[in-house]
């Protein structure tokens, strides 16, 4: 009987630790996604085929960062779509989505986006300069 109680205590402990670790992962992914969204134009395909997508509901407006290719979502969103038993659809964070997003961040996504933004800025400044010169 003691083994069952010890097993249950262990299950409760590891379940709680797993929940905390997953929550930290979600929070980190959300913080990084928020910074990316603040710095990048929405609906533009970023390096790594990421895209910042506005989501507007009656209650709020927020953004999510998702991985797309040729206009199709192929995974690595900061959120997933779920269906309940009645078939109702809703969005929420999933461990798999956060893990995949974390893997892309670890493999250089932020550097890639920074380089892309630097090139975009240089192109914009060059175009503006040429326009001013042409207007003289």
Foldseek 3Di string as FASTA:
>chain_A
DVVVVVVVVVVVVVVVVVVVVLVVLLVVLVVVQVVLPVLDDAPDQAPQQKGWHWDDDPVGIDIKIFHDDPRHGDALISWDWDADPVRDIDIDGDSVSSVSVVVCVVVPRVVRRVVVVVVVVVVVVVVVVVVVVVVD
